Amino acid sequence: MTVTVYGTPGASLVQSAEDTYRDNVRRGAFHEQRVAQALEAWLRSRADHFHLFHDLVGFHRVGGAGLEEMDLGDSNIDHVVLTGDAWLVIDAKGCGAGTLGVDEQGNGILVKQDRTVQAEHWLDDGRNYSRAGIPYRLTDGVRGNAAWIVPDSTSLHPSVEKAACRQKGGEILPLRAVNDGFFDQYFPAPQPPASPNRIARFERYLSTGGG
């Protein structure tokens, strides 16, 4: 079948950018777009039907699944893949060329090709995985998975497995993993269709409206 796509990847990132961070934002938005393209290509290769949401925002007092309401503040969710049986939350991290890992103090870092070290604070945030609580609530308790996708130019040091965000669950993967069908294991074929009601719940949080 095919994939139904909603929203615009990287839209809220560009809209909220300050001039002093324009270059970083442009790089981040470009990576989100690359991840979006890879996700769409992967899903089009499947025989079943998927729904793919880009750039979801405004998660304030989100309830469901019998849990207390959840609030992500100003944080967004880059991409969500949805079927009737499962979901996948994708966070695109445009780190750049270098080696991603954790230093001796347990802090996330990127060692660039010129040997300079750049802090990668998202690796230190165990609450990053809490974004997965949003689709869990919006689907009334359907289980799913989470992943962080970095550029193919970013190598993963073994120490990245010790990162706080990774310890909470989810995968840290290069972009090529999407193209290689890594996430097929989370969606055994054939997947049942997502209900219109659940699709509508996600659509409410699109930063730029429907696809």
C-alpha atoms as a PDB file:
ATOM      1  CA  MET A   1       0.000   0.000   0.000  1.00  0.00           C
ATOM      2  CA  THR A   2       1.473   3.392   0.926  1.00  0.00           C
ATOM      3  CA  VAL A   3       2.098   5.968   3.644  1.00  0.00           C
ATOM      4  CA  THR A   4      -0.031   8.999   4.481  1.00  0.00           C
ATOM      5  CA  VAL A   5       2.182  11.936   5.465  1.00  0.00           C
ATOM      6  CA  TYR A   6       1.173  14.853   7.694  1.00  0.00           C
ATOM      7  CA  GLY A   7       3.006  18.077   8.514  1.00  0.00           C
ATOM      8  CA  THR A   8       6.331  19.636   7.530  1.00  0.00           C
ATOM      9  CA  PRO A   9       9.626  18.351   8.961  1.00  0.00           C
ATOM     10  CA  GLY A  10      11.645  20.976  10.839  1.00  0.00           C
ATOM     11  CA  ALA A  11       8.946  23.655  10.605  1.00  0.00           C
ATOM     12  CA  SER A  12       8.753  24.625  14.294  1.00  0.00           C
ATOM     13  CA  LEU A  13      12.544  24.598  14.596  1.00  0.00           C
ATOM     14  CA  VAL A  14      12.895  27.209  11.857  1.00  0.00           C
ATOM     15  CA  GLN A  15       9.985  29.307  13.138  1.00  0.00           C
ATOM     16  CA  SER A  16      11.437  29.598  16.655  1.00  0.00           C
ATOM     17  CA  ALA A  17      15.056  30.190  15.632  1.00  0.00           C
ATOM     18  CA  GLU A  18      16.992  33.187  16.888  1.00  0.00           C
ATOM     19  CA  ASP A  19      19.469  34.853  14.531  1.00  0.00           C
ATOM     20  CA  THR A  20      22.440  33.868  16.727  1.00  0.00           C
ATOM     21  CA  TYR A  21      21.585  30.186  16.292  1.00  0.00           C
ATOM     22  CA  ARG A  22      20.529  30.356  12.644  1.00  0.00           C
ATOM     23  CA  ASP A  23      23.324  28.097  11.336  1.00  0.00           C
ATOM     24  CA  ASN A  24      22.674  25.401  13.943  1.00  0.00           C
ATOM     25  CA  VAL A  25      18.954  25.569  13.270  1.00  0.00           C
ATOM     26  CA  ARG A  26      19.472  25.313   9.520  1.00  0.00           C
ATOM     27  CA  ARG A  27      21.616  22.204  10.022  1.00  0.00           C
ATOM     28  CA  GLY A  28      19.075  20.689  12.413  1.00  0.00           C
ATOM     29  CA  ALA A  29      16.158  21.372  10.072  1.00  0.00           C
ATOM     30  CA  PHE A  30      18.080  19.885   7.145  1.00  0.00           C
ATOM     31  CA  HIS A  31      18.723  16.701   9.126  1.00  0.00           C
ATOM     32  CA  GLU A  32      15.051  16.468  10.099  1.00  0.00           C
ATOM     33  CA  GLN A  33      14.166  16.709   6.420  1.00  0.00           C
ATOM     34  CA  ARG A  34      16.672  13.985   5.539  1.00  0.00           C
ATOM     35  CA  VAL A  35      15.233  11.726   8.242  1.00  0.00           C
ATOM     36  CA  ALA A  36      11.716  12.471   6.981  1.00  0.00           C
ATOM     37  CA  GLN A  37      12.705  11.471   3.440  1.00  0.00           C
ATOM     38  CA  ALA A  38      14.254   8.232   4.671  1.00  0.00           C
ATOM     39  CA  LEU A  39      11.197   7.366   6.752  1.00  0.00           C
ATOM     40  CA  GLU A  40       8.855   8.015   3.845  1.00  0.00           C
ATOM     41  CA  ALA A  41      10.962   5.894   1.479  1.00  0.00           C
ATOM     42  CA  TRP A  42      11.094   3.037   3.988  1.00  0.00           C
ATOM     43  CA  LEU A  43       7.346   3.099   4.606  1.00  0.00           C
ATOM     44  CA  ARG A  44       6.542   3.213   0.891  1.00  0.00           C
ATOM     45  CA  SER A  45       8.475  -0.025   0.509  1.00  0.00           C
ATOM     46  CA  ARG A  46       6.068  -1.784   2.870  1.00  0.00           C
ATOM     47  CA  ALA A  47       2.959  -3.646   1.729  1.00  0.00           C
ATOM     48  CA  ASP A  48       0.808  -2.314   4.586  1.00  0.00           C
ATOM     49  CA  HIS A  49      -0.440   1.217   5.311  1.00  0.00           C
ATOM     50  CA  PHE A  50       1.276   3.634   7.706  1.00  0.00           C
ATOM     51  CA  HIS A  51       0.701   7.175   8.931  1.00  0.00           C
ATOM     52  CA  LEU A  52       3.733   9.439   9.321  1.00  0.00           C
ATOM     53  CA  PHE A  53       3.544  12.698  11.275  1.00  0.00           C
ATOM     54  CA  HIS A  54       6.222  15.396  11.095  1.00  0.00           C
ATOM     55  CA  ASP A  55       6.857  18.131  13.670  1.00  0.00           C
ATOM     56  CA  LEU A  56       4.282  17.791  16.424  1.00  0.00           C
ATOM     57  CA  VAL A  57       4.035  20.565  19.032  1.00  0.00           C
ATOM     58  CA  GLY A  58       1.865  21.919  21.829  1.00  0.00           C
ATOM     59  CA  PHE A  59       1.785  18.906  24.137  1.00  0.00           C
ATOM     60  CA  HIS A  60       0.195  20.467  27.195  1.00  0.00           C
ATOM     61  CA  ARG A  61      -1.871  18.426  29.652  1.00  0.00           C
ATOM     62  CA  VAL A  62      -2.085  15.385  27.369  1.00  0.00           C
ATOM     63  CA  GLY A  63      -4.089  12.608  29.015  1.00  0.00           C
ATOM     64  CA  GLY A  64      -5.081   9.084  28.092  1.00  0.00           C
ATOM     65  CA  ALA A  65      -4.443   5.410  28.823  1.00  0.00           C
ATOM     66  CA  GLY A  66      -5.563   5.966  32.416  1.00  0.00           C
ATOM     67  CA  LEU A  67      -2.414   7.977  33.218  1.00  0.00           C
ATOM     68  CA  GLU A  68      -2.001  11.427  34.661  1.00  0.00           C
ATOM     69  CA  GLU A  69      -1.719  14.285  32.194  1.00  0.00           C
ATOM     70  CA  MET A  70       1.669  14.910  30.606  1.00  0.00           C
ATOM     71  CA  ASP A  71       3.235  18.221  29.547  1.00  0.00           C
ATOM     72  CA  LEU A  72       6.276  18.587  27.277  1.00  0.00           C
ATOM     73  CA  GLY A  73       6.394  22.366  27.563  1.00  0.00           C
ATOM     74  CA  ASP A  74       7.952  23.885  24.438  1.00  0.00           C
ATOM     75  CA  SER A  75       9.465  20.583  23.303  1.00  0.00           C
ATOM     76  CA  ASN A  76       8.323  19.089  20.017  1.00  0.00           C
ATOM     77  CA  ILE A  77       8.339  15.580  18.573  1.00  0.00           C
ATOM     78  CA  ASP A  78      10.124  15.386  15.230  1.00  0.00           C
ATOM     79  CA  HIS A  79       8.449  12.316  13.705  1.00  0.00           C
ATOM     80  CA  VAL A  80       5.852   9.707  14.661  1.00  0.00           C
ATOM     81  CA  VAL A  81       5.109   6.524  12.700  1.00  0.00           C
ATOM     82  CA  LEU A  82       1.650   5.114  13.480  1.00  0.00           C
ATOM     83  CA  THR A  83      -0.313   1.952  12.688  1.00  0.00           C
ATOM     84  CA  GLY A  84      -3.138   0.207  14.492  1.00  0.00           C
ATOM     85  CA  ASP A  85      -0.790  -1.988  16.524  1.00  0.00           C
ATOM     86  CA  ALA A  86       2.283   0.140  17.232  1.00  0.00           C
ATOM     87  CA  TRP A  87       3.992   3.506  16.981  1.00  0.00           C
ATOM     88  CA  LEU A  88       7.543   4.803  16.695  1.00  0.00           C
ATOM     89  CA  VAL A  89       8.828   8.163  17.946  1.00  0.00           C
ATOM     90  CA  ILE A  90      11.851   9.507  16.064  1.00  0.00           C
ATOM     91  CA  ASP A  91      14.027  12.379  17.282  1.00  0.00           C
ATOM     92  CA  ALA A  92      16.417  13.678  14.615  1.00  0.00           C
ATOM     93  CA  LYS A  93      19.774  14.840  16.011  1.00  0.00           C
ATOM     94  CA  GLY A  94      21.951  16.645  13.467  1.00  0.00           C
ATOM     95  CA  CYS A  95      25.215  16.272  15.381  1.00  0.00           C
ATOM     96  CA  GLY A  96      27.560  16.570  12.422  1.00  0.00           C
ATOM     97  CA  ALA A  97      30.742  14.709  11.562  1.00  0.00           C
ATOM     98  CA  GLY A  98      32.640  13.124  14.438  1.00  0.00           C
ATOM     99  CA  THR A  99      32.334  10.430  17.075  1.00  0.00           C
ATOM    100  CA  LEU A 100      29.427  10.461  19.505  1.00  0.00           C
ATOM    101  CA  GLY A 101      29.890   9.000  22.956  1.00  0.00           C
ATOM    102  CA  VAL A 102      30.068   9.570  26.702  1.00  0.00           C
ATOM    103  CA  ASP A 103      33.139  10.919  28.506  1.00  0.00           C
ATOM    104  CA  GLU A 104      34.605   9.695  31.817  1.00  0.00           C
ATOM    105  CA  GLN A 105      32.244  11.960  33.747  1.00  0.00           C
ATOM    106  CA  GLY A 106      29.239  10.456  31.998  1.00  0.00           C
ATOM    107  CA  ASN A 107      28.533  13.485  29.823  1.00  0.00           C
ATOM    108  CA  GLY A 108      27.456  13.179  26.212  1.00  0.00           C
ATOM    109  CA  ILE A 109      30.009  14.527  23.745  1.00  0.00           C
ATOM    110  CA  LEU A 110      30.845  14.651  20.049  1.00  0.00           C
ATOM    111  CA  VAL A 111      34.574  14.456  19.243  1.00  0.00           C
ATOM    112  CA  LYS A 112      34.860  16.295  15.948  1.00  0.00           C
ATOM    113  CA  GLN A 113      37.256  15.410  13.164  1.00  0.00           C
ATOM    114  CA  ASP A 114      39.633  18.201  14.270  1.00  0.00           C
ATOM    115  CA  ARG A 115      39.646  16.606  17.785  1.00  0.00           C
ATOM    116  CA  THR A 116      37.687  19.438  19.380  1.00  0.00           C
ATOM    117  CA  VAL A 117      34.930  18.315  21.743  1.00  0.00           C
ATOM    118  CA  GLN A 118      31.323  19.461  21.528  1.00  0.00           C
ATOM    119  CA  ALA A 119      28.814  18.848  24.329  1.00  0.00           C
ATOM    120  CA  GLU A 120      25.723  16.872  23.317  1.00  0.00           C
ATOM    121  CA  HIS A 121      23.363  17.542  26.196  1.00  0.00           C
ATOM    122  CA  TRP A 122      20.488  15.501  24.754  1.00  0.00           C
ATOM    123  CA  LEU A 123      22.464  12.360  25.576  1.00  0.00           C
ATOM    124  CA  ASP A 124      22.417  13.361  29.251  1.00  0.00           C
ATOM    125  CA  ASP A 125      18.677  13.878  29.490  1.00  0.00           C
ATOM    126  CA  GLY A 126      16.846  10.786  30.691  1.00  0.00           C
ATOM    127  CA  ARG A 127      13.598  12.680  30.210  1.00  0.00           C
ATOM    128  CA  ASN A 128      14.082  12.665  26.437  1.00  0.00           C
ATOM    129  CA  TYR A 129      12.558   9.204  26.332  1.00  0.00           C
ATOM    130  CA  SER A 130       9.483  10.537  28.138  1.00  0.00           C
ATOM    131  CA  ARG A 131       8.280  11.833  24.783  1.00  0.00           C
ATOM    132  CA  ALA A 132       7.191   8.243  24.184  1.00  0.00           C
ATOM    133  CA  GLY A 133       4.551   8.824  26.849  1.00  0.00           C
ATOM    134  CA  ILE A 134       2.696  11.115  24.453  1.00  0.00           C
ATOM    135  CA  PRO A 135       1.806   8.549  21.743  1.00  0.00           C
ATOM    136  CA  TYR A 136       1.131   6.008  24.501  1.00  0.00           C
ATOM    137  CA  ARG A 137      -1.549   8.333  25.843  1.00  0.00           C
ATOM    138  CA  LEU A 138      -2.885   9.370  22.445  1.00  0.00           C
ATOM    139  CA  THR A 139      -3.357   5.724  21.433  1.00  0.00           C
ATOM    140  CA  ASP A 140      -5.008   4.679  24.723  1.00  0.00           C
ATOM    141  CA  GLY A 141      -2.136   2.463  25.787  1.00  0.00           C
ATOM    142  CA  VAL A 142      -0.771   1.034  22.539  1.00  0.00           C
ATOM    143  CA  ARG A 143       2.922   0.244  23.027  1.00  0.00           C
ATOM    144  CA  GLY A 144       5.696   1.496  20.787  1.00  0.00           C
ATOM    145  CA  ASN A 145       9.355   2.434  20.576  1.00  0.00           C
ATOM    146  CA  ALA A 146      11.619   5.469  20.418  1.00  0.00           C
ATOM    147  CA  ALA A 147      14.826   6.246  18.552  1.00  0.00           C
ATOM    148  CA  TRP A 148      17.313   9.053  18.011  1.00  0.00           C
ATOM    149  CA  ILE A 149      18.669   9.306  14.455  1.00  0.00           C
ATOM    150  CA  VAL A 150      22.045  10.944  13.814  1.00  0.00           C
ATOM    151  CA  PRO A 151      23.737  11.659  10.450  1.00  0.00           C
ATOM    152  CA  ASP A 152      25.730   8.920   8.752  1.00  0.00           C
ATOM    153  CA  SER A 153      28.804  11.121   9.237  1.00  0.00           C
ATOM    154  CA  THR A 154      28.385  10.681  13.015  1.00  0.00           C
ATOM    155  CA  SER A 155      30.133   7.557  14.296  1.00  0.00           C
ATOM    156  CA  LEU A 156      28.842   5.880  17.442  1.00  0.00           C
ATOM    157  CA  HIS A 157      31.404   5.054  20.127  1.00  0.00           C
ATOM    158  CA  PRO A 158      30.507   2.006  22.275  1.00  0.00           C
ATOM    159  CA  SER A 159      30.217   4.320  25.288  1.00  0.00           C
ATOM    160  CA  VAL A 160      27.069   5.850  23.790  1.00  0.00           C
ATOM    161  CA  GLU A 161      25.187   2.870  25.233  1.00  0.00           C
ATOM    162  CA  LYS A 162      25.834   4.385  28.683  1.00  0.00           C
ATOM    163  CA  ALA A 163      24.131   7.677  27.814  1.00  0.00           C
ATOM    164  CA  ALA A 164      21.296   8.616  30.163  1.00  0.00           C
ATOM    165  CA  CYS A 165      18.767   8.824  27.347  1.00  0.00           C
ATOM    166  CA  ARG A 166      19.745   5.365  26.084  1.00  0.00           C
ATOM    167  CA  GLN A 167      19.480   3.828  29.542  1.00  0.00           C
ATOM    168  CA  LYS A 168      15.811   4.795  29.635  1.00  0.00           C
ATOM    169  CA  GLY A 169      15.171   2.856  26.425  1.00  0.00           C
ATOM    170  CA  GLY A 170      15.178   3.523  22.707  1.00  0.00           C
ATOM    171  CA  GLU A 171      17.892   3.295  20.072  1.00  0.00           C
ATOM    172  CA  ILE A 172      20.591   5.697  18.904  1.00  0.00           C
ATOM    173  CA  LEU A 173      21.170   4.956  15.229  1.00  0.00           C
ATOM    174  CA  PRO A 174      22.695   6.406  12.053  1.00  0.00           C
ATOM    175  CA  LEU A 175      20.406   7.542   9.272  1.00  0.00           C
ATOM    176  CA  ARG A 176      21.312   4.556   7.087  1.00  0.00           C
ATOM    177  CA  ALA A 177      19.552   2.279   9.601  1.00  0.00           C
ATOM    178  CA  VAL A 178      16.228   3.718   8.421  1.00  0.00           C
ATOM    179  CA  ASN A 179      17.095   3.042   4.787  1.00  0.00           C
ATOM    180  CA  ASP A 180      18.198  -0.487   5.700  1.00  0.00           C
ATOM    181  CA  GLY A 181      14.802  -1.294   7.234  1.00  0.00           C
ATOM    182  CA  PHE A 182      15.974  -1.520  10.855  1.00  0.00           C
ATOM    183  CA  PHE A 183      12.517  -0.597  12.136  1.00  0.00           C
ATOM    184  CA  ASP A 184      10.714  -3.379  10.288  1.00  0.00           C
ATOM    185  CA  GLN A 185      11.238  -5.487  13.409  1.00  0.00           C
ATOM    186  CA  TYR A 186       8.928  -3.135  15.328  1.00  0.00           C
ATOM    187  CA  PHE A 187       6.123  -3.483  12.777  1.00  0.00           C
ATOM    188  CA  PRO A 188       5.545  -7.157  11.853  1.00  0.00           C
ATOM    189  CA  ALA A 189       3.685  -7.390   8.561  1.00  0.00           C
ATOM    190  CA  PRO A 190       0.901  -6.914   7.938  1.00  0.00           C
ATOM    191  CA  GLN A 191       0.090  -4.051  10.284  1.00  0.00           C
ATOM    192  CA  PRO A 192      -3.609  -3.276  10.887  1.00  0.00           C
ATOM    193  CA  PRO A 193      -4.766   0.235   9.951  1.00  0.00           C
ATOM    194  CA  ALA A 194      -4.769   3.019  12.521  1.00  0.00           C
ATOM    195  CA  SER A 195      -8.203   4.170  13.634  1.00  0.00           C
ATOM    196  CA  PRO A 196      -9.461   7.550  12.327  1.00  0.00           C
ATOM    197  CA  ASN A 197      -9.964   8.702  15.900  1.00  0.00           C
ATOM    198  CA  ARG A 198      -6.319   8.153  16.831  1.00  0.00           C
ATOM    199  CA  ILE A 199      -5.113   9.743  13.606  1.00  0.00           C
ATOM    200  CA  ALA A 200      -7.186  12.828  14.413  1.00  0.00           C
ATOM    201  CA  ARG A 201      -5.630  13.049  17.884  1.00  0.00           C
ATOM    202  CA  PHE A 202      -2.148  13.317  16.374  1.00  0.00           C
ATOM    203  CA  GLU A 203      -3.271  15.757  13.689  1.00  0.00           C
ATOM    204  CA  ARG A 204      -4.287  18.246  16.392  1.00  0.00           C
ATOM    205  CA  TYR A 205      -0.617  18.705  17.292  1.00  0.00           C
ATOM    206  CA  LEU A 206       0.836  19.321  13.818  1.00  0.00           C
ATOM    207  CA  SER A 207       2.795  22.567  13.701  1.00  0.00           C
ATOM    208  CA  THR A 208       1.802  23.292  10.086  1.00  0.00           C
ATOM    209  CA  GLY A 209      -1.467  21.454   9.533  1.00  0.00           C
ATOM    210  CA  GLY A 210      -2.126  18.315   7.470  1.00  0.00           C
ATOM    211  CA  GLY A 211       0.120  16.819   4.802  1.00  0.00           C
END
